[in-house]
Protein backbone atom coordinates (compact mmCIF):
# COMPACT_ATOMS: atom_id res chain seq x y z
CA MET A 1 -31.38 3.97 3.07
CA THR A 2 -28.05 2.21 2.57
CA SER A 3 -25.02 3.95 4.04
CA ILE A 4 -22.57 5.54 1.63
CA THR A 5 -19.81 3.55 3.34
CA GLU A 6 -21.47 0.25 2.41
CA VAL A 7 -22.06 1.33 -1.18
CA ALA A 8 -18.50 2.65 -1.56
CA GLU A 9 -17.01 -0.56 -0.18
CA LYS A 10 -19.06 -2.75 -2.51
CA PHE A 11 -18.12 -0.55 -5.47
CA PHE A 12 -14.43 -0.58 -4.51
CA VAL A 13 -14.29 -4.37 -4.29
CA ALA A 14 -16.17 -4.82 -7.58
CA CYS A 15 -13.95 -2.34 -9.39
CA GLU A 16 -10.67 -3.62 -7.97
CA THR A 17 -11.47 -7.26 -8.71
CA GLY A 18 -12.17 -6.53 -12.39
CA LYS A 19 -15.95 -6.75 -12.49
CA GLY A 20 -16.09 -3.89 -15.01
CA TRP A 21 -19.06 -1.62 -15.44
CA ASP A 22 -21.52 -4.54 -15.30
CA GLY A 23 -20.37 -5.29 -11.75
CA CYS A 24 -20.10 -1.64 -10.67
CA ARG A 25 -23.04 0.18 -12.26
CA THR A 26 -25.50 -0.69 -9.50
CA TYR A 27 -23.50 1.52 -7.08
CA CYS A 28 -23.25 4.52 -9.41
CA SER A 29 -25.39 7.20 -10.99
CA PRO A 30 -25.93 6.37 -14.68
CA ASN A 31 -23.80 9.34 -15.80
CA ALA A 32 -21.20 9.19 -13.02
CA THR A 33 -18.06 11.11 -13.88
CA PHE A 34 -14.38 10.38 -13.27
CA SER A 35 -11.25 12.49 -13.01
CA ALA A 36 -7.54 11.95 -12.34
CA GLN A 37 -4.43 14.05 -12.84
CA SER A 38 -2.65 11.24 -14.65
CA GLU A 39 -2.31 9.50 -17.99
CA LEU A 40 -6.00 8.66 -17.56
CA ASP A 41 -6.94 12.21 -18.54
CA SER A 42 -9.04 10.95 -21.46
CA VAL A 43 -11.17 8.83 -19.11
CA ARG A 44 -14.12 11.03 -18.17
CA THR A 45 -16.81 8.64 -16.93
CA LEU A 46 -16.85 6.05 -14.18
CA GLU A 47 -18.04 3.52 -16.75
CA GLN A 48 -14.84 4.12 -18.78
CA TYR A 49 -12.70 3.85 -15.64
CA CYS A 50 -14.30 0.56 -14.56
CA SER A 51 -13.61 -0.85 -18.03
CA TRP A 52 -10.00 0.37 -17.82
CA ALA A 53 -9.56 -1.27 -14.39
CA LYS A 54 -10.94 -4.56 -15.73
CA GLY A 55 -8.50 -4.39 -18.65
CA LEU A 56 -5.60 -3.72 -16.28
CA LEU A 57 -6.19 -7.11 -14.68
CA GLU A 58 -5.91 -8.74 -18.11
CA ILE A 59 -2.48 -7.14 -18.52
CA MET A 60 -1.52 -8.04 -14.94
CA PRO A 61 -3.39 -11.28 -14.13
CA ASP A 62 -1.79 -11.42 -10.67
CA GLY A 63 -2.96 -7.86 -9.91
CA ARG A 64 -4.37 -7.29 -6.46
CA TYR A 65 -4.98 -4.51 -3.99
CA GLU A 66 -4.26 -4.07 -0.31
CA LEU A 67 -6.75 -1.74 1.32
CA LYS A 68 -4.96 0.48 3.85
CA SER A 69 -7.67 2.95 4.90
CA PHE A 70 -11.36 3.52 4.28
CA ALA A 71 -13.13 6.62 5.62
CA ALA A 72 -16.52 8.26 5.15
CA ASP A 73 -17.36 11.95 5.46
CA ASP A 74 -21.13 11.95 5.86
CA LYS A 75 -21.35 15.75 6.02
CA ARG A 76 -19.72 16.10 2.59
CA ARG A 77 -21.23 12.86 1.25
CA SER A 78 -17.90 11.36 0.24
CA VAL A 79 -15.82 8.27 0.96
CA ALA A 80 -12.05 7.93 0.53
CA ALA A 81 -10.29 4.60 0.05
CA TYR A 82 -6.49 4.36 0.18
CA ALA A 83 -4.90 1.21 -1.21
CA VAL A 84 -1.76 -0.22 -2.77
CA PHE A 85 -1.97 -2.04 -6.12
CA ARG A 86 0.57 -4.76 -6.87
CA GLY A 87 0.94 -6.72 -10.08
CA THR A 88 3.27 -8.04 -12.77
CA HIS A 89 2.95 -7.25 -16.48
CA THR A 90 2.74 -10.81 -17.84
CA GLY A 91 -0.47 -10.59 -19.88
CA GLN A 92 -0.96 -9.35 -23.40
CA GLY A 93 -2.04 -5.78 -23.91
CA GLY A 94 -0.89 -2.50 -22.59
CA PRO A 95 1.53 -0.16 -24.29
CA CYS A 96 4.10 -2.88 -25.10
CA ALA A 97 4.80 -6.60 -24.97
CA PRO A 98 4.84 -8.12 -21.46
CA THR A 99 7.81 -6.82 -19.48
CA ASP A 100 7.56 -9.26 -16.55
CA LYS A 101 8.17 -6.25 -14.30
CA ARG A 102 6.28 -5.62 -11.08
CA VAL A 103 4.49 -2.52 -9.85
CA GLU A 104 3.64 -1.41 -6.33
CA SER A 105 1.56 1.73 -6.55
CA ASP A 106 -0.31 3.77 -3.92
CA TYR A 107 -3.64 5.31 -4.89
CA VAL A 108 -6.71 6.92 -3.37
CA TYR A 109 -10.30 6.89 -4.61
CA VAL A 110 -12.50 9.77 -3.46
CA MET A 111 -16.11 8.84 -4.18
CA GLU A 112 -18.72 11.62 -4.07
CA PHE A 113 -22.34 10.68 -3.52
CA GLU A 114 -25.73 11.89 -4.59
CA GLY A 115 -28.33 9.95 -2.65
CA ASP A 116 -27.21 6.32 -2.43
CA ASN A 117 -25.12 6.42 -5.62
CA ILE A 118 -21.62 7.50 -6.53
CA ARG A 119 -21.94 10.54 -8.80
CA HIS A 120 -18.21 11.26 -9.24
CA MET A 121 -14.91 9.61 -8.41
CA THR A 122 -11.45 11.16 -8.35
CA LYS A 123 -8.39 8.90 -8.44
CA ILE A 124 -5.25 10.28 -6.83
CA TRP A 125 -2.31 8.33 -8.22
CA HIS A 126 1.21 8.78 -9.55
CA SER A 127 0.69 6.98 -12.85
CA GLY A 128 4.07 8.01 -14.25
CA LEU A 129 5.93 6.24 -11.46
CA ALA A 130 3.77 3.13 -11.94
CA ALA A 131 4.52 3.12 -15.68
CA ARG A 132 8.27 3.40 -15.04
CA GLN A 133 8.16 0.50 -12.56
CA LEU A 134 6.51 -1.61 -15.27
CA GLY A 135 9.09 -0.59 -17.89
CA TRP A 136 6.50 1.32 -19.91
CA GLY A 137 8.25 4.64 -20.11
C-alpha cells in the first residue's frame, strides 16, 4: 500500500506543473470532488480543478509554486500542502487582456483520502486578493 503522503506529493507536483487531469487522475478517485470558498465556486470536481490549474499556467507561463509545508494526518486520512504561487499575467486568456502584473498568493490544499486515492480536495485561498494583484478586479 502506497502512503497517502507519497500520493499527495505526486498529485501536488502534477497539478501545480500543469499536467491537467491526464497527469493527475491516477492519484484520485474517478469522481473526486473539489471545494473552495473563492471565485472557483462553480468548480465542483477535482477533474475541473486540474483543468483550471493547467489553464492558469497558459495565462501565466512563468507561473510556479514554492512549497512551504507538507503534512500528513494518517488518523484522519488527509494531507495538507501549503505553498505560494507566483506568476505574471503575460499569456492570452483570463478575464482580460494580459496585464503584465505579478501575483504572489498563499494557498493550502487539504487532500482527503479513501484508500490510496484522493476523494476530495479543499483549496484555501484568497482569490480576490490574487485577482486584484493581477489587475483583474
